Amino acid sequence: MVRAVVYEAEIRHVRSGERAYALRHRTYLWLVDLDELPRFPAPLRFLARFEARDHFGGRSATIRAGLERFLAARGAGLPPGSRVLMLAHARVLGLVFNPLSVYWCHGPDGSLRQVVAELHNTYGERHCYLLGPQAAQGTARVAKEFYASPFLDVDGDYRMRLPVPGEHLALSVCLSGGADGARLTATVRGRRRASGLAGLLRASLRHPWPTAAVAVAIRHHRVRLWLRGLPVRPRPRHDPQEGLR
């Protein structure tokens, strides 16, 4: 049973269409049970913390409570005894940024009931997609509803493949069908490493401040795209979803 597992991962973004572009970033991610979040010795907690304010509406007592509130608002509440796994960055040195967090919701019998993809942008906004178990078993298709990149309009469709991680991590999100003709494919590939404290120390030595690195890399590539002449799309007013307010 998963308690806290580290995946050393490579994240790739490939943009085709107008001004094709590709980027690659190495990091590590945690797969944790929301009912048994890891709590490390006090001197090391600055290296990995999981806090409710970093997910969903940010106002619930726990991450699990925030997820339950989101699901309940859509009539998809989980029965007692359900178990939820979350893949995300932890808060490191007081900073966290999760472009994508994924939640796999299992019923009391172990069957997968729901998959939730939570997106964050660099403007401090969040949006969740309720995908159903097909996202883990094949591909889930959902309309884009959230301004995630300043170079892409809020249109088109996502196709998400989010299988439950095992020894390997292999996620993909493909955006297509937008009015600007651009196509974006993001992949997360990784391998399971040591869990618990050993995994934390090894990953921290290899990637000392991963959350800051992600935020800096996004802004760096944003400037490069802007310098290449890619037009910035206007950001619409963000209305938080029911269950995230």
C-alpha atoms as a PDB file:
ATOM      1  CA  MET A   1       0.000   0.000   0.000  1.00  0.00           C
ATOM      2  CA  VAL A   2       1.341   3.456  -0.962  1.00  0.00           C
ATOM      3  CA  ARG A   3       2.285   5.738   1.918  1.00  0.00           C
ATOM      4  CA  ALA A   4       4.731   8.210   0.377  1.00  0.00           C
ATOM      5  CA  VAL A   5       6.643   7.428  -2.804  1.00  0.00           C
ATOM      6  CA  VAL A   6       9.084   9.618  -4.732  1.00  0.00           C
ATOM      7  CA  TYR A   7       9.230   9.598  -8.541  1.00  0.00           C
ATOM      8  CA  GLU A   8      12.189  11.182 -10.267  1.00  0.00           C
ATOM      9  CA  ALA A   9      10.610  12.530 -13.418  1.00  0.00           C
ATOM     10  CA  GLU A  10      11.137  14.321 -16.696  1.00  0.00           C
ATOM     11  CA  ILE A  11       8.467  16.757 -17.845  1.00  0.00           C
ATOM     12  CA  ARG A  12       8.246  17.632 -21.545  1.00  0.00           C
ATOM     13  CA  HIS A  13       6.119  20.214 -23.339  1.00  0.00           C
ATOM     14  CA  VAL A  14       5.940  20.168 -27.125  1.00  0.00           C
ATOM     15  CA  ARG A  15       4.057  22.860 -29.032  1.00  0.00           C
ATOM     16  CA  SER A  16       3.283  22.389 -32.715  1.00  0.00           C
ATOM     17  CA  GLY A  17       1.566  24.711 -35.154  1.00  0.00           C
ATOM     18  CA  GLU A  18       2.397  28.405 -34.976  1.00  0.00           C
ATOM     19  CA  ARG A  19       6.012  28.790 -33.792  1.00  0.00           C
ATOM     20  CA  ALA A  20       6.719  25.220 -32.742  1.00  0.00           C
ATOM     21  CA  TYR A  21       8.594  24.897 -29.467  1.00  0.00           C
ATOM     22  CA  ALA A  22       9.752  22.218 -27.023  1.00  0.00           C
ATOM     23  CA  LEU A  23      11.039  22.247 -23.468  1.00  0.00           C
ATOM     24  CA  ARG A  24      12.225  19.663 -20.978  1.00  0.00           C
ATOM     25  CA  HIS A  25      12.550  19.832 -17.216  1.00  0.00           C
ATOM     26  CA  ARG A  26      13.748  17.292 -14.632  1.00  0.00           C
ATOM     27  CA  THR A  27      12.231  17.196 -11.157  1.00  0.00           C
ATOM     28  CA  TYR A  28      10.698  14.833  -8.628  1.00  0.00           C
ATOM     29  CA  LEU A  29       7.107  14.298  -7.533  1.00  0.00           C
ATOM     30  CA  TRP A  30       5.399  12.645  -4.579  1.00  0.00           C
ATOM     31  CA  LEU A  31       2.655  10.026  -4.665  1.00  0.00           C
ATOM     32  CA  VAL A  32       0.921  10.134  -1.277  1.00  0.00           C
ATOM     33  CA  ASP A  33      -2.172   8.783   0.448  1.00  0.00           C
ATOM     34  CA  LEU A  34      -4.284  11.791   1.493  1.00  0.00           C
ATOM     35  CA  ASP A  35      -5.254  10.060   4.721  1.00  0.00           C
ATOM     36  CA  GLU A  36      -1.638   9.291   5.643  1.00  0.00           C
ATOM     37  CA  LEU A  37       0.410  12.263   4.494  1.00  0.00           C
ATOM     38  CA  PRO A  38       4.086  11.926   5.402  1.00  0.00           C
ATOM     39  CA  ARG A  39       5.327  13.945   8.333  1.00  0.00           C
ATOM     40  CA  PHE A  40       9.090  14.115   8.549  1.00  0.00           C
ATOM     41  CA  PRO A  41      11.316  14.962  11.536  1.00  0.00           C
ATOM     42  CA  ALA A  42      11.109  18.647  12.461  1.00  0.00           C
ATOM     43  CA  PRO A  43      14.593  19.579  11.142  1.00  0.00           C
ATOM     44  CA  LEU A  44      13.659  18.239   7.673  1.00  0.00           C
ATOM     45  CA  ARG A  45      10.093  19.476   7.296  1.00  0.00           C
ATOM     46  CA  PHE A  46      11.246  22.465   5.255  1.00  0.00           C
ATOM     47  CA  LEU A  47      12.081  19.927   2.507  1.00  0.00           C
ATOM     48  CA  ALA A  48       8.568  18.507   2.158  1.00  0.00           C
ATOM     49  CA  ARG A  49       5.225  19.709   3.505  1.00  0.00           C
ATOM     50  CA  PHE A  50       1.733  19.024   2.200  1.00  0.00           C
ATOM     51  CA  GLU A  51      -0.701  21.779   3.118  1.00  0.00           C
ATOM     52  CA  ALA A  52      -4.414  22.278   2.468  1.00  0.00           C
ATOM     53  CA  ARG A  53      -3.911  25.895   1.389  1.00  0.00           C
ATOM     54  CA  ASP A  54      -2.015  24.699  -1.688  1.00  0.00           C
ATOM     55  CA  HIS A  55      -4.917  22.769  -3.220  1.00  0.00           C
ATOM     56  CA  PHE A  56      -8.553  23.264  -4.232  1.00  0.00           C
ATOM     57  CA  GLY A  57     -10.098  26.318  -2.580  1.00  0.00           C
ATOM     58  CA  GLY A  58      -7.292  26.483  -0.021  1.00  0.00           C
ATOM     59  CA  ARG A  59      -9.761  26.993   2.830  1.00  0.00           C
ATOM     60  CA  SER A  60     -10.493  23.440   3.929  1.00  0.00           C
ATOM     61  CA  ALA A  61      -8.894  21.873   6.979  1.00  0.00           C
ATOM     62  CA  THR A  62      -7.152  19.183   4.907  1.00  0.00           C
ATOM     63  CA  ILE A  63      -6.414  18.432   1.251  1.00  0.00           C
ATOM     64  CA  ARG A  64      -8.805  15.480   1.503  1.00  0.00           C
ATOM     65  CA  ALA A  65     -11.581  17.773   2.760  1.00  0.00           C
ATOM     66  CA  GLY A  66     -10.969  20.145  -0.155  1.00  0.00           C
ATOM     67  CA  LEU A  67     -11.240  17.280  -2.628  1.00  0.00           C
ATOM     68  CA  GLU A  68     -14.408  15.961  -0.975  1.00  0.00           C
ATOM     69  CA  ARG A  69     -15.985  19.418  -1.190  1.00  0.00           C
ATOM     70  CA  PHE A  70     -15.180  19.640  -4.904  1.00  0.00           C
ATOM     71  CA  LEU A  71     -16.595  16.160  -5.577  1.00  0.00           C
ATOM     72  CA  ALA A  72     -19.733  16.766  -3.513  1.00  0.00           C
ATOM     73  CA  ALA A  73     -20.491  19.918  -5.525  1.00  0.00           C
ATOM     74  CA  ARG A  74     -20.660  17.657  -8.611  1.00  0.00           C
ATOM     75  CA  GLY A  75     -22.671  14.853  -7.075  1.00  0.00           C
ATOM     76  CA  ALA A  76     -19.623  12.592  -7.101  1.00  0.00           C
ATOM     77  CA  GLY A  77     -18.935  12.228  -3.385  1.00  0.00           C
ATOM     78  CA  LEU A  78     -16.948   9.220  -2.230  1.00  0.00           C
ATOM     79  CA  PRO A  79     -18.422   6.585   0.123  1.00  0.00           C
ATOM     80  CA  PRO A  80     -16.896   5.995   3.581  1.00  0.00           C
ATOM     81  CA  GLY A  81     -13.735   3.940   3.480  1.00  0.00           C
ATOM     82  CA  SER A  82     -12.553   5.374   0.151  1.00  0.00           C
ATOM     83  CA  ARG A  83      -8.877   6.021  -0.436  1.00  0.00           C
ATOM     84  CA  VAL A  84      -7.273   8.812  -2.451  1.00  0.00           C
ATOM     85  CA  LEU A  85      -3.776   8.997  -3.911  1.00  0.00           C
ATOM     86  CA  MET A  86      -2.316  12.369  -4.907  1.00  0.00           C
ATOM     87  CA  LEU A  87       0.604  13.030  -7.247  1.00  0.00           C
ATOM     88  CA  ALA A  88       2.091  16.494  -6.682  1.00  0.00           C
ATOM     89  CA  HIS A  89       5.047  18.563  -5.622  1.00  0.00           C
ATOM     90  CA  ALA A  90       5.425  19.154  -1.910  1.00  0.00           C
ATOM     91  CA  ARG A  91       6.036  22.582  -0.422  1.00  0.00           C
ATOM     92  CA  VAL A  92       9.839  23.021  -0.271  1.00  0.00           C
ATOM     93  CA  LEU A  93      11.570  25.882   1.552  1.00  0.00           C
ATOM     94  CA  GLY A  94       8.202  27.577   1.913  1.00  0.00           C
ATOM     95  CA  LEU A  95       7.363  27.500  -1.816  1.00  0.00           C
ATOM     96  CA  VAL A  96       5.176  25.233  -3.934  1.00  0.00           C
ATOM     97  CA  PHE A  97       3.917  25.379  -7.497  1.00  0.00           C
ATOM     98  CA  ASN A  98       1.945  22.539  -9.055  1.00  0.00           C
ATOM     99  CA  PRO A  99       1.039  23.109 -12.707  1.00  0.00           C
ATOM    100  CA  LEU A 100      -0.754  19.751 -12.445  1.00  0.00           C
ATOM    101  CA  SER A 101      -1.797  17.680  -9.431  1.00  0.00           C
ATOM    102  CA  VAL A 102      -3.621  14.389  -9.996  1.00  0.00           C
ATOM    103  CA  TYR A 103      -5.964  12.555  -7.612  1.00  0.00           C
ATOM    104  CA  TRP A 104      -6.960   8.905  -7.995  1.00  0.00           C
ATOM    105  CA  CYS A 105     -10.062   8.166  -5.901  1.00  0.00           C
ATOM    106  CA  HIS A 106     -10.624   4.512  -4.989  1.00  0.00           C
ATOM    107  CA  GLY A 107     -13.780   3.127  -3.419  1.00  0.00           C
ATOM    108  CA  PRO A 108     -13.815   0.909  -0.307  1.00  0.00           C
ATOM    109  CA  ASP A 109     -13.510  -2.164  -2.555  1.00  0.00           C
ATOM    110  CA  GLY A 110     -10.362  -0.755  -4.192  1.00  0.00           C
ATOM    111  CA  SER A 111     -12.020   0.056  -7.520  1.00  0.00           C
ATOM    112  CA  LEU A 112     -11.167   3.372  -9.146  1.00  0.00           C
ATOM    113  CA  ARG A 113     -14.157   5.735  -8.859  1.00  0.00           C
ATOM    114  CA  GLN A 114     -12.838   9.098 -10.051  1.00  0.00           C
ATOM    115  CA  VAL A 115      -9.756  10.844 -11.395  1.00  0.00           C
ATOM    116  CA  VAL A 116      -9.346  14.573 -10.756  1.00  0.00           C
ATOM    117  CA  ALA A 117      -6.814  16.780 -12.534  1.00  0.00           C
ATOM    118  CA  GLU A 118      -6.085  20.055 -10.712  1.00  0.00           C
ATOM    119  CA  LEU A 119      -4.392  22.788 -12.751  1.00  0.00           C
ATOM    120  CA  HIS A 120      -2.653  25.864 -11.350  1.00  0.00           C
ATOM    121  CA  ASN A 121      -1.446  28.835 -13.379  1.00  0.00           C
ATOM    122  CA  THR A 122       1.183  31.419 -12.496  1.00  0.00           C
ATOM    123  CA  TYR A 123      -1.519  33.980 -11.651  1.00  0.00           C
ATOM    124  CA  GLY A 124      -2.516  32.102  -8.495  1.00  0.00           C
ATOM    125  CA  GLU A 125      -5.659  30.603 -10.052  1.00  0.00           C
ATOM    126  CA  ARG A 126      -6.833  26.965  -9.893  1.00  0.00           C
ATOM    127  CA  HIS A 127      -9.234  24.811 -11.841  1.00  0.00           C
ATOM    128  CA  CYS A 128     -10.157  21.133 -11.521  1.00  0.00           C
ATOM    129  CA  TYR A 129     -11.359  18.661 -14.136  1.00  0.00           C
ATOM    130  CA  LEU A 130     -13.459  15.692 -13.027  1.00  0.00           C
ATOM    131  CA  LEU A 131     -12.455  12.980 -15.482  1.00  0.00           C
ATOM    132  CA  GLY A 132     -13.881   9.682 -14.251  1.00  0.00           C
ATOM    133  CA  PRO A 133     -11.962   6.393 -14.182  1.00  0.00           C
ATOM    134  CA  GLN A 134     -11.510   6.354 -17.973  1.00  0.00           C
ATOM    135  CA  ALA A 135      -8.643   8.832 -17.570  1.00  0.00           C
ATOM    136  CA  ALA A 136      -6.619   6.078 -15.874  1.00  0.00           C
ATOM    137  CA  GLN A 137      -7.848   3.207 -18.014  1.00  0.00           C
ATOM    138  CA  GLY A 138      -7.558   4.922 -21.391  1.00  0.00           C
ATOM    139  CA  THR A 139      -8.082   8.520 -22.465  1.00  0.00           C
ATOM    140  CA  ALA A 140     -10.492  11.093 -21.085  1.00  0.00           C
ATOM    141  CA  ARG A 141     -11.588  14.023 -23.230  1.00  0.00           C
ATOM    142  CA  VAL A 142     -12.696  17.310 -21.696  1.00  0.00           C
ATOM    143  CA  ALA A 143     -13.176  20.862 -22.981  1.00  0.00           C
ATOM    144  CA  LYS A 144     -10.547  23.378 -21.921  1.00  0.00           C
ATOM    145  CA  GLU A 145     -12.049  25.799 -19.375  1.00  0.00           C
ATOM    146  CA  PHE A 146      -9.025  27.430 -17.756  1.00  0.00           C
ATOM    147  CA  TYR A 147      -6.408  29.987 -18.783  1.00  0.00           C
ATOM    148  CA  ALA A 148      -3.198  28.068 -18.191  1.00  0.00           C
ATOM    149  CA  SER A 149      -0.819  29.689 -20.695  1.00  0.00           C
ATOM    150  CA  PRO A 150      -0.653  33.316 -21.897  1.00  0.00           C
ATOM    151  CA  PHE A 151      -0.068  32.027 -25.431  1.00  0.00           C
ATOM    152  CA  LEU A 152      -3.176  29.840 -25.691  1.00  0.00           C
ATOM    153  CA  ASP A 153      -6.829  30.836 -25.739  1.00  0.00           C
ATOM    154  CA  VAL A 154      -9.365  29.127 -23.501  1.00  0.00           C
ATOM    155  CA  ASP A 155     -10.714  26.828 -26.196  1.00  0.00           C
ATOM    156  CA  GLY A 156     -10.069  23.406 -27.637  1.00  0.00           C
ATOM    157  CA  ASP A 157     -10.098  20.013 -25.939  1.00  0.00           C
ATOM    158  CA  TYR A 158      -7.793  18.152 -23.602  1.00  0.00           C
ATOM    159  CA  ARG A 159      -7.136  14.461 -24.008  1.00  0.00           C
ATOM    160  CA  MET A 160      -5.693  13.140 -20.769  1.00  0.00           C
ATOM    161  CA  ARG A 161      -4.099   9.781 -20.061  1.00  0.00           C
ATOM    162  CA  LEU A 162      -3.449   9.511 -16.333  1.00  0.00           C
ATOM    163  CA  PRO A 163      -2.822   5.885 -15.318  1.00  0.00           C
ATOM    164  CA  VAL A 164      -2.255   5.165 -11.638  1.00  0.00           C
ATOM    165  CA  PRO A 165       1.537   5.176 -11.109  1.00  0.00           C
ATOM    166  CA  GLY A 166       3.269   1.918 -10.333  1.00  0.00           C
ATOM    167  CA  GLU A 167       6.952   1.224 -10.811  1.00  0.00           C
ATOM    168  CA  HIS A 168       6.820   3.816 -13.594  1.00  0.00           C
ATOM    169  CA  LEU A 169       5.054   7.142 -13.987  1.00  0.00           C
ATOM    170  CA  ALA A 170       3.608   7.891 -17.447  1.00  0.00           C
ATOM    171  CA  LEU A 171       1.108  10.737 -17.801  1.00  0.00           C
ATOM    172  CA  SER A 172       0.145  12.733 -20.884  1.00  0.00           C
ATOM    173  CA  VAL A 173      -2.074  15.738 -21.556  1.00  0.00           C
ATOM    174  CA  CYS A 174      -2.730  16.811 -25.140  1.00  0.00           C
ATOM    175  CA  LEU A 175      -4.500  20.047 -26.088  1.00  0.00           C
ATOM    176  CA  SER A 176      -5.869  20.451 -29.611  1.00  0.00           C
ATOM    177  CA  GLY A 177      -8.742  21.981 -31.532  1.00  0.00           C
ATOM    178  CA  GLY A 178      -8.149  25.601 -30.533  1.00  0.00           C
ATOM    179  CA  ALA A 179      -8.926  28.485 -32.860  1.00  0.00           C
ATOM    180  CA  ASP A 180      -5.229  29.384 -33.165  1.00  0.00           C
ATOM    181  CA  GLY A 181      -4.394  25.933 -34.520  1.00  0.00           C
ATOM    182  CA  ALA A 182      -1.742  25.242 -31.891  1.00  0.00           C
ATOM    183  CA  ARG A 183      -1.346  21.794 -30.431  1.00  0.00           C
ATOM    184  CA  LEU A 184       0.337  21.246 -27.074  1.00  0.00           C
ATOM    185  CA  THR A 185       1.402  17.901 -25.657  1.00  0.00           C
ATOM    186  CA  ALA A 186       2.735  17.613 -22.110  1.00  0.00           C
ATOM    187  CA  THR A 187       4.159  14.363 -20.758  1.00  0.00           C
ATOM    188  CA  VAL A 188       5.436  13.308 -17.344  1.00  0.00           C
ATOM    189  CA  ARG A 189       7.677  10.255 -17.320  1.00  0.00           C
ATOM    190  CA  GLY A 190       9.394   8.913 -14.241  1.00  0.00           C
ATOM    191  CA  ARG A 191      10.579   5.976 -12.207  1.00  0.00           C
ATOM    192  CA  ARG A 192       9.718   5.081  -8.658  1.00  0.00           C
ATOM    193  CA  ARG A 193      12.526   5.604  -6.175  1.00  0.00           C
ATOM    194  CA  ALA A 194      12.967   4.966  -2.461  1.00  0.00           C
ATOM    195  CA  SER A 195      10.017   6.009  -0.317  1.00  0.00           C
ATOM    196  CA  GLY A 196       9.842   7.936   2.935  1.00  0.00           C
ATOM    197  CA  LEU A 197      12.834   9.718   4.429  1.00  0.00           C
ATOM    198  CA  ALA A 198      15.376   7.972   2.202  1.00  0.00           C
ATOM    199  CA  GLY A 199      13.488   9.072  -0.907  1.00  0.00           C
ATOM    200  CA  LEU A 200      13.225  12.633   0.371  1.00  0.00           C
ATOM    201  CA  LEU A 201      16.955  12.953   1.066  1.00  0.00           C
ATOM    202  CA  ARG A 202      18.029  11.419  -2.228  1.00  0.00           C
ATOM    203  CA  ALA A 203      15.650  13.538  -4.298  1.00  0.00           C
ATOM    204  CA  SER A 204      16.543  16.723  -2.401  1.00  0.00           C
ATOM    205  CA  LEU A 205      20.241  16.227  -3.113  1.00  0.00           C
ATOM    206  CA  ARG A 206      19.589  15.738  -6.823  1.00  0.00           C
ATOM    207  CA  HIS A 207      17.019  18.556  -7.096  1.00  0.00           C
ATOM    208  CA  PRO A 208      17.618  21.010  -4.211  1.00  0.00           C
ATOM    209  CA  TRP A 209      14.657  23.370  -4.770  1.00  0.00           C
ATOM    210  CA  PRO A 210      12.309  21.737  -7.310  1.00  0.00           C
ATOM    211  CA  THR A 211       9.289  23.981  -6.784  1.00  0.00           C
ATOM    212  CA  ALA A 212      11.289  27.146  -7.425  1.00  0.00           C
ATOM    213  CA  ALA A 213      12.929  25.492 -10.437  1.00  0.00           C
ATOM    214  CA  VAL A 214       9.518  24.736 -11.971  1.00  0.00           C
ATOM    215  CA  ALA A 215       8.274  28.299 -11.463  1.00  0.00           C
ATOM    216  CA  VAL A 216      11.482  29.816 -12.861  1.00  0.00           C
ATOM    217  CA  ALA A 217      11.533  27.454 -15.858  1.00  0.00           C
ATOM    218  CA  ILE A 218       7.951  28.359 -16.790  1.00  0.00           C
ATOM    219  CA  ARG A 219       8.720  32.083 -16.704  1.00  0.00           C
ATOM    220  CA  HIS A 220      11.993  31.596 -18.586  1.00  0.00           C
ATOM    221  CA  HIS A 221      10.304  29.778 -21.449  1.00  0.00           C
ATOM    222  CA  ARG A 222       7.459  32.294 -21.420  1.00  0.00           C
ATOM    223  CA  VAL A 223       9.974  35.089 -22.093  1.00  0.00           C
ATOM    224  CA  ARG A 224      11.619  33.056 -24.860  1.00  0.00           C
ATOM    225  CA  LEU A 225       8.286  32.503 -26.591  1.00  0.00           C
ATOM    226  CA  TRP A 226       7.418  36.188 -26.283  1.00  0.00           C
ATOM    227  CA  LEU A 227      10.787  37.179 -27.773  1.00  0.00           C
ATOM    228  CA  ARG A 228      10.086  34.849 -30.672  1.00  0.00           C
ATOM    229  CA  GLY A 229       6.983  36.865 -31.427  1.00  0.00           C
ATOM    230  CA  LEU A 230       4.259  34.587 -30.110  1.00  0.00           C
ATOM    231  CA  PRO A 231       1.259  36.809 -29.314  1.00  0.00           C
ATOM    232  CA  VAL A 232      -0.064  36.953 -25.763  1.00  0.00           C
ATOM    233  CA  ARG A 233      -3.739  36.026 -25.469  1.00  0.00           C
ATOM    234  CA  PRO A 234      -5.927  38.150 -23.186  1.00  0.00           C
ATOM    235  CA  ARG A 235      -6.626  36.540 -19.820  1.00  0.00           C
ATOM    236  CA  PRO A 236     -10.353  36.275 -19.092  1.00  0.00           C
ATOM    237  CA  ARG A 237     -11.789  36.931 -15.662  1.00  0.00           C
ATOM    238  CA  HIS A 238     -11.432  33.822 -13.527  1.00  0.00           C
ATOM    239  CA  ASP A 239     -14.553  32.653 -11.708  1.00  0.00           C
ATOM    240  CA  PRO A 240     -13.663  29.922  -9.193  1.00  0.00           C
ATOM    241  CA  GLN A 241     -15.636  26.721  -9.583  1.00  0.00           C
ATOM    242  CA  GLU A 242     -18.344  25.600  -7.240  1.00  0.00           C
ATOM    243  CA  GLY A 243     -16.542  23.702  -4.508  1.00  0.00           C
ATOM    244  CA  LEU A 244     -13.350  25.753  -4.883  1.00  0.00           C
ATOM    245  CA  ARG A 245     -14.697  29.105  -3.669  1.00  0.00           C
END
